[in-house]
C-alpha atoms as a PDB file:
ATOM      1  CA  UNK A   1     -40.485 -11.709 -12.050  1.00  0.00           C
ATOM      2  CA  UNK A   2     -37.950  -9.059 -11.026  1.00  0.00           C
ATOM      3  CA  UNK A   3     -34.352 -10.191 -11.560  1.00  0.00           C
ATOM      4  CA  UNK A   4     -31.160  -9.036  -9.848  1.00  0.00           C
ATOM      5  CA  UNK A   5     -29.387  -8.771 -13.215  1.00  0.00           C
ATOM      6  CA  UNK A   6     -32.014  -6.320 -14.441  1.00  0.00           C
ATOM      7  CA  UNK A   7     -31.600  -4.082 -11.400  1.00  0.00           C
ATOM      8  CA  UNK A   8     -27.818  -4.312 -11.637  1.00  0.00           C
ATOM      9  CA  UNK A   9     -27.834  -3.218 -15.278  1.00  0.00           C
ATOM     10  CA  UNK A  10     -30.241  -0.375 -14.557  1.00  0.00           C
ATOM     11  CA  UNK A  11     -28.376   0.924 -11.490  1.00  0.00           C
ATOM     12  CA  UNK A  12     -24.978   0.752 -13.204  1.00  0.00           C
ATOM     13  CA  UNK A  13     -26.206   2.491 -16.358  1.00  0.00           C
ATOM     14  CA  UNK A  14     -27.903   5.192 -14.289  1.00  0.00           C
ATOM     15  CA  UNK A  15     -24.793   5.777 -12.162  1.00  0.00           C
ATOM     16  CA  UNK A  16     -22.433   5.808 -15.160  1.00  0.00           C
ATOM     17  CA  UNK A  17     -24.794   7.757 -17.413  1.00  0.00           C
ATOM     18  CA  UNK A  18     -23.918   5.424 -20.249  1.00  0.00           C
ATOM     19  CA  UNK A  19     -24.888   1.970 -21.521  1.00  0.00           C
ATOM     20  CA  UNK A  20     -21.383   1.516 -22.911  1.00  0.00           C
ATOM     21  CA  UNK A  21     -19.727   2.297 -19.556  1.00  0.00           C
ATOM     22  CA  UNK A  22     -22.228   0.075 -17.755  1.00  0.00           C
ATOM     23  CA  UNK A  23     -21.430  -2.767 -20.139  1.00  0.00           C
ATOM     24  CA  UNK A  24     -17.704  -2.293 -19.503  1.00  0.00           C
ATOM     25  CA  UNK A  25     -18.178  -2.327 -15.739  1.00  0.00           C
ATOM     26  CA  UNK A  26     -20.404  -5.410 -15.846  1.00  0.00           C
ATOM     27  CA  UNK A  27     -18.331  -7.245 -18.470  1.00  0.00           C
ATOM     28  CA  UNK A  28     -21.388  -7.530 -20.713  1.00  0.00           C
ATOM     29  CA  UNK A  29     -22.305  -6.349 -24.178  1.00  0.00           C
ATOM     30  CA  UNK A  30     -24.169  -3.056 -24.542  1.00  0.00           C
ATOM     31  CA  UNK A  31     -27.065  -4.878 -26.143  1.00  0.00           C
ATOM     32  CA  UNK A  32     -27.335  -7.236 -23.156  1.00  0.00           C
ATOM     33  CA  UNK A  33     -27.411  -4.277 -20.751  1.00  0.00           C
ATOM     34  CA  UNK A  34     -30.082  -2.558 -22.869  1.00  0.00           C
ATOM     35  CA  UNK A  35     -32.133  -5.788 -23.060  1.00  0.00           C
ATOM     36  CA  UNK A  36     -32.150  -6.174 -19.264  1.00  0.00           C
ATOM     37  CA  UNK A  37     -33.186  -2.555 -18.736  1.00  0.00           C
ATOM     38  CA  UNK A  38     -35.959  -2.822 -21.331  1.00  0.00           C
ATOM     39  CA  UNK A  39     -37.209  -6.012 -19.670  1.00  0.00           C
ATOM     40  CA  UNK A  40     -37.273  -4.209 -16.320  1.00  0.00           C
ATOM     41  CA  UNK A  41     -39.186  -1.267 -17.811  1.00  0.00           C
ATOM     42  CA  UNK A  42     -41.687  -3.657 -19.367  1.00  0.00           C
ATOM     43  CA  UNK A  43     -42.133  -5.507 -16.078  1.00  0.00           C
ATOM     44  CA  UNK A  44     -42.695  -2.289 -14.106  1.00  0.00           C
ATOM     45  CA  UNK A  45     -44.689  -0.699 -16.940  1.00  0.00           C
ATOM     46  CA  UNK A  46     -42.755   2.570 -16.791  1.00  0.00           C
ATOM     47  CA  UNK A  47     -39.889   4.406 -18.458  1.00  0.00           C
ATOM     48  CA  UNK A  48     -36.772   4.332 -16.265  1.00  0.00           C
ATOM     49  CA  UNK A  49     -34.095   5.788 -18.544  1.00  0.00           C
ATOM     50  CA  UNK A  50     -34.054   8.333 -21.323  1.00  0.00           C
ATOM     51  CA  UNK A  51     -31.636   7.276 -24.071  1.00  0.00           C
ATOM     52  CA  UNK A  52     -29.473  10.025 -25.536  1.00  0.00           C
ATOM     53  CA  UNK A  53     -27.073  10.149 -28.464  1.00  0.00           C
ATOM     54  CA  UNK A  54     -23.955   7.935 -28.297  1.00  0.00           C
ATOM     55  CA  UNK A  55     -25.561   5.559 -25.748  1.00  0.00           C
ATOM     56  CA  UNK A  56     -25.806   8.184 -23.020  1.00  0.00           C
ATOM     57  CA  UNK A  57     -28.705   7.892 -20.571  1.00  0.00           C
ATOM     58  CA  UNK A  58     -30.427   9.893 -17.849  1.00  0.00           C
ATOM     59  CA  UNK A  59     -33.001   8.752 -15.321  1.00  0.00           C
ATOM     60  CA  UNK A  60     -36.686   9.601 -15.393  1.00  0.00           C
ATOM     61  CA  UNK A  61     -38.618  10.510 -12.253  1.00  0.00           C
ATOM     62  CA  UNK A  62     -39.658   6.871 -11.832  1.00  0.00           C
ATOM     63  CA  UNK A  63     -36.083   5.843 -12.546  1.00  0.00           C
ATOM     64  CA  UNK A  64     -34.822   8.087  -9.751  1.00  0.00           C
ATOM     65  CA  UNK A  65     -37.357   6.563  -7.338  1.00  0.00           C
ATOM     66  CA  UNK A  66     -36.218   3.059  -8.238  1.00  0.00           C
ATOM     67  CA  UNK A  67     -32.517   3.942  -8.197  1.00  0.00           C
ATOM     68  CA  UNK A  68     -32.730   5.144  -4.597  1.00  0.00           C
ATOM     69  CA  UNK A  69     -33.813   1.646  -3.512  1.00  0.00           C
ATOM     70  CA  UNK A  70     -31.992  -0.386  -6.150  1.00  0.00           C
ATOM     71  CA  UNK A  71     -28.431   0.672  -5.198  1.00  0.00           C
ATOM     72  CA  UNK A  72     -28.494  -0.860  -1.723  1.00  0.00           C
ATOM     73  CA  UNK A  73     -30.437  -3.907  -2.938  1.00  0.00           C
ATOM     74  CA  UNK A  74     -27.908  -4.597  -5.707  1.00  0.00           C
ATOM     75  CA  UNK A  75     -24.955  -4.089  -3.353  1.00  0.00           C
ATOM     76  CA  UNK A  76     -26.366  -6.567  -0.859  1.00  0.00           C
ATOM     77  CA  UNK A  77     -26.975  -9.072  -3.655  1.00  0.00           C
ATOM     78  CA  UNK A  78     -23.360  -8.690  -4.827  1.00  0.00           C
ATOM     79  CA  UNK A  79     -22.094  -9.271  -1.303  1.00  0.00           C
ATOM     80  CA  UNK A  80     -24.208 -12.418  -0.993  1.00  0.00           C
ATOM     81  CA  UNK A  81     -22.789 -13.708  -4.294  1.00  0.00           C
ATOM     82  CA  UNK A  82     -19.246 -12.952  -3.138  1.00  0.00           C
ATOM     83  CA  UNK A  83     -19.571 -14.818   0.153  1.00  0.00           C
ATOM     84  CA  UNK A  84     -18.261 -17.879  -1.689  1.00  0.00           C
ATOM     85  CA  UNK A  85     -15.739 -16.535  -4.234  1.00  0.00           C
ATOM     86  CA  UNK A  86     -13.746 -19.759  -4.225  1.00  0.00           C
ATOM     87  CA  UNK A  87     -16.592 -21.719  -5.769  1.00  0.00           C
ATOM     88  CA  UNK A  88     -15.990 -20.698  -9.334  1.00  0.00           C
ATOM     89  CA  UNK A  89     -16.531 -17.011  -8.730  1.00  0.00           C
ATOM     90  CA  UNK A  90     -13.978 -14.283  -9.238  1.00  0.00           C
ATOM     91  CA  UNK A  91     -13.756 -11.145  -7.125  1.00  0.00           C
ATOM     92  CA  UNK A  92     -13.855  -8.083  -9.349  1.00  0.00           C
ATOM     93  CA  UNK A  93     -14.529  -4.363  -9.210  1.00  0.00           C
ATOM     94  CA  UNK A  94     -12.497  -1.617  -7.523  1.00  0.00           C
ATOM     95  CA  UNK A  95     -10.774  -1.616  -4.139  1.00  0.00           C
ATOM     96  CA  UNK A  96      -9.156   1.537  -2.713  1.00  0.00           C
ATOM     97  CA  UNK A  97      -6.728   0.992   0.160  1.00  0.00           C
ATOM     98  CA  UNK A  98      -5.701   3.912   2.351  1.00  0.00           C
ATOM     99  CA  UNK A  99      -2.338   3.580   4.080  1.00  0.00           C
ATOM    100  CA  UNK A 100       0.482   5.598   5.595  1.00  0.00           C
ATOM    101  CA  UNK A 101       3.514   6.267   3.446  1.00  0.00           C
ATOM    102  CA  UNK A 102       5.753   3.649   5.060  1.00  0.00           C
ATOM    103  CA  UNK A 103       3.094   0.989   4.491  1.00  0.00           C
ATOM    104  CA  UNK A 104       2.657   2.081   0.875  1.00  0.00           C
ATOM    105  CA  UNK A 105       6.101   0.693   0.041  1.00  0.00           C
ATOM    106  CA  UNK A 106       5.978  -2.365   2.289  1.00  0.00           C
ATOM    107  CA  UNK A 107       2.818  -4.147   3.453  1.00  0.00           C
ATOM    108  CA  UNK A 108       0.256  -2.806   0.988  1.00  0.00           C
ATOM    109  CA  UNK A 109       2.047  -3.523  -2.333  1.00  0.00           C
ATOM    110  CA  UNK A 110       2.957  -7.001  -1.071  1.00  0.00           C
ATOM    111  CA  UNK A 111      -0.707  -7.674  -0.268  1.00  0.00           C
ATOM    112  CA  UNK A 112      -1.782  -6.224  -3.617  1.00  0.00           C
ATOM    113  CA  UNK A 113       0.665  -8.503  -5.426  1.00  0.00           C
ATOM    114  CA  UNK A 114      -0.769 -11.588  -3.726  1.00  0.00           C
ATOM    115  CA  UNK A 115      -4.343 -10.535  -4.362  1.00  0.00           C
ATOM    116  CA  UNK A 116      -3.834  -9.730  -8.053  1.00  0.00           C
ATOM    117  CA  UNK A 117      -2.419 -13.173  -8.693  1.00  0.00           C
ATOM    118  CA  UNK A 118      -5.514 -14.729  -7.160  1.00  0.00           C
ATOM    119  CA  UNK A 119      -8.091 -12.268  -8.511  1.00  0.00           C
ATOM    120  CA  UNK A 120      -6.766 -10.648 -11.722  1.00  0.00           C
ATOM    121  CA  UNK A 121     -10.085  -8.867 -12.384  1.00  0.00           C
ATOM    122  CA  UNK A 122      -9.904  -6.909  -9.126  1.00  0.00           C
ATOM    123  CA  UNK A 123      -8.639  -3.343  -9.669  1.00  0.00           C
ATOM    124  CA  UNK A 124      -6.709  -2.177  -6.581  1.00  0.00           C
ATOM    125  CA  UNK A 125      -5.300   1.272  -5.870  1.00  0.00           C
ATOM    126  CA  UNK A 126      -3.679   2.778  -2.796  1.00  0.00           C
ATOM    127  CA  UNK A 127      -4.043   6.234  -1.312  1.00  0.00           C
ATOM    128  CA  UNK A 128      -1.672   7.877   1.176  1.00  0.00           C
ATOM    129  CA  UNK A 129      -3.209   8.884   4.529  1.00  0.00           C
ATOM    130  CA  UNK A 130      -1.769  10.135   7.832  1.00  0.00           C
ATOM    131  CA  UNK A 131      -2.299   9.102  11.450  1.00  0.00           C
ATOM    132  CA  UNK A 132      -3.952  12.447  12.117  1.00  0.00           C
ATOM    133  CA  UNK A 133      -6.650  11.551   9.564  1.00  0.00           C
ATOM    134  CA  UNK A 134      -7.993   8.944  11.986  1.00  0.00           C
ATOM    135  CA  UNK A 135     -10.875   6.904  10.530  1.00  0.00           C
ATOM    136  CA  UNK A 136     -12.172   9.826   8.444  1.00  0.00           C
ATOM    137  CA  UNK A 137     -11.025   8.293   5.126  1.00  0.00           C
ATOM    138  CA  UNK A 138     -13.341   5.334   5.787  1.00  0.00           C
ATOM    139  CA  UNK A 139     -16.266   7.372   7.078  1.00  0.00           C
ATOM    140  CA  UNK A 140     -16.026   9.715   4.083  1.00  0.00           C
ATOM    141  CA  UNK A 141     -15.938   6.682   1.748  1.00  0.00           C
ATOM    142  CA  UNK A 142     -12.712   7.870   0.110  1.00  0.00           C
ATOM    143  CA  UNK A 143     -11.185   4.423   0.802  1.00  0.00           C
ATOM    144  CA  UNK A 144     -12.588   0.916   1.252  1.00  0.00           C
ATOM    145  CA  UNK A 145      -9.895  -0.115   3.707  1.00  0.00           C
ATOM    146  CA  UNK A 146      -7.525   1.710   6.014  1.00  0.00           C
ATOM    147  CA  UNK A 147      -4.142   0.224   6.964  1.00  0.00           C
ATOM    148  CA  UNK A 148      -2.496   2.442   9.540  1.00  0.00           C
ATOM    149  CA  UNK A 149      -0.779   2.845  12.886  1.00  0.00           C
ATOM    150  CA  UNK A 150      -3.012   3.889  15.770  1.00  0.00           C
ATOM    151  CA  UNK A 151      -2.411   4.645  19.424  1.00  0.00           C
ATOM    152  CA  UNK A 152      -5.668   2.903  20.339  1.00  0.00           C
ATOM    153  CA  UNK A 153      -8.336   1.021  18.417  1.00  0.00           C
ATOM    154  CA  UNK A 154     -11.281   3.172  17.327  1.00  0.00           C
ATOM    155  CA  UNK A 155     -14.462   2.769  19.346  1.00  0.00           C
ATOM    156  CA  UNK A 156     -16.600   4.074  16.479  1.00  0.00           C
ATOM    157  CA  UNK A 157     -19.471   1.610  16.062  1.00  0.00           C
ATOM    158  CA  UNK A 158     -19.434   2.113  12.278  1.00  0.00           C
ATOM    159  CA  UNK A 159     -15.847   0.860  11.985  1.00  0.00           C
ATOM    160  CA  UNK A 160     -14.578  -2.728  12.096  1.00  0.00           C
ATOM    161  CA  UNK A 161     -10.898  -3.010  13.067  1.00  0.00           C
ATOM    162  CA  UNK A 162      -8.431  -5.885  13.227  1.00  0.00           C
ATOM    163  CA  UNK A 163      -4.983  -5.668  14.845  1.00  0.00           C
ATOM    164  CA  UNK A 164      -2.277  -7.001  12.523  1.00  0.00           C
ATOM    165  CA  UNK A 165       0.664  -6.636  14.891  1.00  0.00           C
ATOM    166  CA  UNK A 166       2.296  -4.644  17.687  1.00  0.00           C
ATOM    167  CA  UNK A 167       5.519  -3.480  16.029  1.00  0.00           C
ATOM    168  CA  UNK A 168       8.740  -2.784  17.881  1.00  0.00           C
ATOM    169  CA  UNK A 169      10.665   0.469  17.270  1.00  0.00           C
ATOM    170  CA  UNK A 170      14.126   1.029  15.921  1.00  0.00           C
ATOM    171  CA  UNK A 171      16.297   4.058  15.248  1.00  0.00           C
ATOM    172  CA  UNK A 172      17.325   4.853  11.699  1.00  0.00           C
ATOM    173  CA  UNK A 173      20.689   6.536  11.193  1.00  0.00           C
ATOM    174  CA  UNK A 174      23.642   6.708   8.840  1.00  0.00           C
ATOM    175  CA  UNK A 175      25.584   3.453   8.615  1.00  0.00           C
ATOM    176  CA  UNK A 176      28.741   4.857  10.266  1.00  0.00           C
ATOM    177  CA  UNK A 177      26.916   6.618  13.109  1.00  0.00           C
ATOM    178  CA  UNK A 178      28.599   6.256  16.557  1.00  0.00           C
ATOM    179  CA  UNK A 179      25.563   4.383  17.896  1.00  0.00           C
ATOM    180  CA  UNK A 180      25.947   1.707  15.211  1.00  0.00           C
ATOM    181  CA  UNK A 181      29.466   0.916  16.432  1.00  0.00           C
ATOM    182  CA  UNK A 182      28.091  -0.142  19.822  1.00  0.00           C
ATOM    183  CA  UNK A 183      26.978  -3.333  18.105  1.00  0.00           C
ATOM    184  CA  UNK A 184      23.851  -3.827  20.238  1.00  0.00           C
ATOM    185  CA  UNK A 185      20.361  -2.522  20.959  1.00  0.00           C
ATOM    186  CA  UNK A 186      20.506   0.980  22.398  1.00  0.00           C
ATOM    187  CA  UNK A 187      18.598   2.627  25.228  1.00  0.00           C
ATOM    188  CA  UNK A 188      16.328   5.625  24.794  1.00  0.00           C
ATOM    189  CA  UNK A 189      18.819   7.619  26.933  1.00  0.00           C
ATOM    190  CA  UNK A 190      21.642   6.815  24.506  1.00  0.00           C
ATOM    191  CA  UNK A 191      19.419   7.810  21.608  1.00  0.00           C
ATOM    192  CA  UNK A 192      18.508  11.106  23.307  1.00  0.00           C
ATOM    193  CA  UNK A 193      22.123  12.326  23.112  1.00  0.00           C
ATOM    194  CA  UNK A 194      21.595  13.012  19.407  1.00  0.00           C
ATOM    195  CA  UNK A 195      19.216  15.337  17.629  1.00  0.00           C
ATOM    196  CA  UNK A 196      15.925  13.606  16.767  1.00  0.00           C
ATOM    197  CA  UNK A 197      14.236  13.918  13.411  1.00  0.00           C
ATOM    198  CA  UNK A 198      10.451  13.483  13.710  1.00  0.00           C
ATOM    199  CA  UNK A 199       7.734  13.122  11.111  1.00  0.00           C
ATOM    200  CA  UNK A 200       5.251  16.012  11.017  1.00  0.00           C
ATOM    201  CA  UNK A 201       2.100  13.981  11.620  1.00  0.00           C
ATOM    202  CA  UNK A 202       0.267  14.987  14.819  1.00  0.00           C
ATOM    203  CA  UNK A 203      -0.240  11.653  16.635  1.00  0.00           C
ATOM    204  CA  UNK A 204       3.071  10.228  15.392  1.00  0.00           C
ATOM    205  CA  UNK A 205       4.976  13.302  16.535  1.00  0.00           C
ATOM    206  CA  UNK A 206       3.342  13.206  19.955  1.00  0.00           C
ATOM    207  CA  UNK A 207       4.016   9.480  20.295  1.00  0.00           C
ATOM    208  CA  UNK A 208       7.735   9.781  19.601  1.00  0.00           C
ATOM    209  CA  UNK A 209       8.106  12.786  21.906  1.00  0.00           C
ATOM    210  CA  UNK A 210       6.255  10.892  24.658  1.00  0.00           C
ATOM    211  CA  UNK A 211       8.724   7.999  24.414  1.00  0.00           C
ATOM    212  CA  UNK A 212      11.444  10.336  25.666  1.00  0.00           C
ATOM    213  CA  UNK A 213       9.218  12.128  28.152  1.00  0.00           C
ATOM    214  CA  UNK A 214       8.409   8.766  29.788  1.00  0.00           C
ATOM    215  CA  UNK A 215      12.098   8.581  30.731  1.00  0.00           C
ATOM    216  CA  UNK A 216      12.353  12.221  31.768  1.00  0.00           C
ATOM    217  CA  UNK A 217      14.343  13.062  28.633  1.00  0.00           C
ATOM    218  CA  UNK A 218      14.102  16.129  26.414  1.00  0.00           C
ATOM    219  CA  UNK A 219      16.374  15.632  23.394  1.00  0.00           C
ATOM    220  CA  UNK A 220      16.914  18.281  20.770  1.00  0.00           C
ATOM    221  CA  UNK A 221      14.695  17.610  17.783  1.00  0.00           C
ATOM    222  CA  UNK A 222      13.439  19.046  14.557  1.00  0.00           C
ATOM    223  CA  UNK A 223      10.456  18.141  12.442  1.00  0.00           C
ATOM    224  CA  UNK A 224      11.878  16.909   9.197  1.00  0.00           C
ATOM    225  CA  UNK A 225       8.962  16.205   6.874  1.00  0.00           C
ATOM    226  CA  UNK A 226       5.634  14.466   6.621  1.00  0.00           C
ATOM    227  CA  UNK A 227       7.240  11.831   4.384  1.00  0.00           C
ATOM    228  CA  UNK A 228       9.675   9.155   5.474  1.00  0.00           C
ATOM    229  CA  UNK A 229      11.616   9.387   2.197  1.00  0.00           C
ATOM    230  CA  UNK A 230      12.680  12.944   3.018  1.00  0.00           C
ATOM    231  CA  UNK A 231      13.571  12.007   6.597  1.00  0.00           C
ATOM    232  CA  UNK A 232      15.701   9.075   5.418  1.00  0.00           C
ATOM    233  CA  UNK A 233      17.564  11.366   3.023  1.00  0.00           C
ATOM    234  CA  UNK A 234      18.336  13.784   5.869  1.00  0.00           C
ATOM    235  CA  UNK A 235      19.593  11.248   8.437  1.00  0.00           C
ATOM    236  CA  UNK A 236      21.821   9.667   5.801  1.00  0.00           C
ATOM    237  CA  UNK A 237      23.856  12.884   5.708  1.00  0.00           C
ATOM    238  CA  UNK A 238      24.129  13.890   9.399  1.00  0.00           C
ATOM    239  CA  UNK A 239      24.159  12.631  13.005  1.00  0.00           C
ATOM    240  CA  UNK A 240      20.409  13.072  13.507  1.00  0.00           C
ATOM    241  CA  UNK A 241      18.479   9.891  14.296  1.00  0.00           C
ATOM    242  CA  UNK A 242      14.972   8.926  13.279  1.00  0.00           C
ATOM    243  CA  UNK A 243      12.643   6.674  15.307  1.00  0.00           C
ATOM    244  CA  UNK A 244      10.750   4.330  13.008  1.00  0.00           C
ATOM    245  CA  UNK A 245       8.568   1.238  12.858  1.00  0.00           C
ATOM    246  CA  UNK A 246       8.698   0.417   9.140  1.00  0.00           C
ATOM    247  CA  UNK A 247      11.995  -0.176   7.377  1.00  0.00           C
ATOM    248  CA  UNK A 248      12.841  -0.752   3.738  1.00  0.00           C
ATOM    249  CA  UNK A 249      14.319  -4.068   2.672  1.00  0.00           C
ATOM    250  CA  UNK A 250      17.470  -2.270   1.503  1.00  0.00           C
ATOM    251  CA  UNK A 251      19.157   0.055   4.025  1.00  0.00           C
ATOM    252  CA  UNK A 252      19.893   2.855   1.563  1.00  0.00           C
ATOM    253  CA  UNK A 253      18.534   6.401   1.633  1.00  0.00           C
ATOM    254  CA  UNK A 254      16.901   8.013  -1.448  1.00  0.00           C
ATOM    255  CA  UNK A 255      20.252   9.799  -1.975  1.00  0.00           C
ATOM    256  CA  UNK A 256      22.132   6.500  -2.003  1.00  0.00           C
ATOM    257  CA  UNK A 257      23.672   6.828   1.472  1.00  0.00           C
ATOM    258  CA  UNK A 258      23.929   3.566   3.471  1.00  0.00           C
ATOM    259  CA  UNK A 259      21.677   3.489   6.528  1.00  0.00           C
ATOM    260  CA  UNK A 260      21.480   1.327   9.648  1.00  0.00           C
ATOM    261  CA  UNK A 261      18.509   0.190  11.733  1.00  0.00           C
ATOM    262  CA  UNK A 262      19.354  -0.094  15.435  1.00  0.00           C
ATOM    263  CA  UNK A 263      16.799  -1.627  17.861  1.00  0.00           C
ATOM    264  CA  UNK A 264      15.778   0.469  20.860  1.00  0.00           C
ATOM    265  CA  UNK A 265      15.579  -1.672  23.997  1.00  0.00           C
ATOM    266  CA  UNK A 266      13.519   0.171  26.585  1.00  0.00           C
ATOM    267  CA  UNK A 267      10.597   1.939  24.915  1.00  0.00           C
ATOM    268  CA  UNK A 268       7.433   1.209  26.873  1.00  0.00           C
ATOM    269  CA  UNK A 269       4.728   2.581  24.613  1.00  0.00           C
ATOM    270  CA  UNK A 270       4.028   2.188  20.934  1.00  0.00           C
ATOM    271  CA  UNK A 271       1.331   2.041  18.287  1.00  0.00           C
ATOM    272  CA  UNK A 272      -0.702  -0.831  16.891  1.00  0.00           C
ATOM    273  CA  UNK A 273      -0.740  -1.663  13.199  1.00  0.00           C
ATOM    274  CA  UNK A 274      -4.389  -2.163  12.271  1.00  0.00           C
ATOM    275  CA  UNK A 275      -6.587  -2.659   9.256  1.00  0.00           C
ATOM    276  CA  UNK A 276     -10.072  -1.131   9.348  1.00  0.00           C
ATOM    277  CA  UNK A 277     -13.158  -1.070   7.175  1.00  0.00           C
ATOM    278  CA  UNK A 278     -16.707   0.193   7.461  1.00  0.00           C
ATOM    279  CA  UNK A 279     -19.000  -2.147   9.359  1.00  0.00           C
ATOM    280  CA  UNK A 280     -21.532  -3.577   6.942  1.00  0.00           C
ATOM    281  CA  UNK A 281     -25.247  -3.896   7.544  1.00  0.00           C
ATOM    282  CA  UNK A 282     -24.704  -7.617   7.794  1.00  0.00           C
ATOM    283  CA  UNK A 283     -21.961  -9.278   9.845  1.00  0.00           C
ATOM    284  CA  UNK A 284     -19.733 -10.367   6.974  1.00  0.00           C
ATOM    285  CA  UNK A 285     -17.365  -8.004   5.153  1.00  0.00           C
ATOM    286  CA  UNK A 286     -17.398  -7.608   1.384  1.00  0.00           C
ATOM    287  CA  UNK A 287     -15.454 -10.400  -0.293  1.00  0.00           C
ATOM    288  CA  UNK A 288     -12.883  -8.012  -1.789  1.00  0.00           C
ATOM    289  CA  UNK A 289     -12.274  -6.437   1.640  1.00  0.00           C
ATOM    290  CA  UNK A 290     -11.993  -9.819   3.348  1.00  0.00           C
ATOM    291  CA  UNK A 291      -9.615 -11.045   0.636  1.00  0.00           C
ATOM    292  CA  UNK A 292      -7.278  -8.088   1.161  1.00  0.00           C
ATOM    293  CA  UNK A 293      -7.307  -8.522   4.929  1.00  0.00           C
ATOM    294  CA  UNK A 294      -6.562 -12.223   4.467  1.00  0.00           C
ATOM    295  CA  UNK A 295      -3.599 -11.371   2.218  1.00  0.00           C
ATOM    296  CA  UNK A 296      -2.242  -9.023   4.912  1.00  0.00           C
ATOM    297  CA  UNK A 297      -2.641 -11.673   7.600  1.00  0.00           C
ATOM    298  CA  UNK A 298      -0.754 -14.143   5.446  1.00  0.00           C
ATOM    299  CA  UNK A 299       2.199 -11.782   5.089  1.00  0.00           C
ATOM    300  CA  UNK A 300       2.549 -11.652   8.870  1.00  0.00           C
ATOM    301  CA  UNK A 301       1.865 -15.342   9.441  1.00  0.00           C
ATOM    302  CA  UNK A 302       4.532 -16.547   6.989  1.00  0.00           C
ATOM    303  CA  UNK A 303       7.157 -14.045   8.186  1.00  0.00           C
ATOM    304  CA  UNK A 304       7.329 -12.002   4.966  1.00  0.00           C
ATOM    305  CA  UNK A 305       6.784  -8.757   6.877  1.00  0.00           C
ATOM    306  CA  UNK A 306       9.834  -9.394   9.056  1.00  0.00           C
ATOM    307  CA  UNK A 307      11.837  -7.733   6.266  1.00  0.00           C
ATOM    308  CA  UNK A 308      10.019  -4.505   7.105  1.00  0.00           C
ATOM    309  CA  UNK A 309       8.758  -4.756  10.702  1.00  0.00           C
ATOM    310  CA  UNK A 310       9.848  -6.327  13.981  1.00  0.00           C
ATOM    311  CA  UNK A 311       6.824  -7.837  15.690  1.00  0.00           C
END
């Protein structure tokens, strides 16, 4: 009888081109991987892999035919197994999280920290994306998850999106800026009296400009950088102000200048902070994806993210 473990060993060895690498990925011995593949070949009465020197392998014509079907079958079997990770099962493998720069030093590492403590075998990495990338990082399979700000939730039927919060804006400026001395939330008109520093990221730039246009205002502005670290360094040394949604826990610029976060009281439009993943063939997400989303939800539910966002 055909066994999932046999297909898993075959597909992994074929994809990695190596029995040793397949064994490492599956947390098995090389001999166990080879045994399962040989049993599968015997069952199907065909040669699936050609063994090369130093445990390298390549697929035969029959192996290629099987591999085309086996990949999706094995993935679905893994997802079924991971539906109940709490019942003695550990989530493992790789998870790539795409996020904007501000979220890469706030929400995402906090979620990663929580997840690693619960699932130490899960390998998580993060990749910087921009608002202008849209959902392309998910559709191109360069990330498993996308944590980002959006102006509206994607209507793409291949994408599953959850809103984490509707953040409120603030203005970042040097700690001794005249607006700080007002000791209160400021209006967009008060903010417009100073030069604006905007991030060079299409949708984000248009959003911040529209906030002023809604009030009939046209402040002087320059486009500082496509990274918040650079923008924070600039506003720490001048009277320019910088509209933001994510703040660091310590109000200090990369150059060591003290900064201040001042709420803006009358902005009527803003983005949503969302987390998106590809919609699976079946209704339930992969366990590793669901676990990361759950960790993010927890950070908002217990108030941890209030150090970085107002929501």
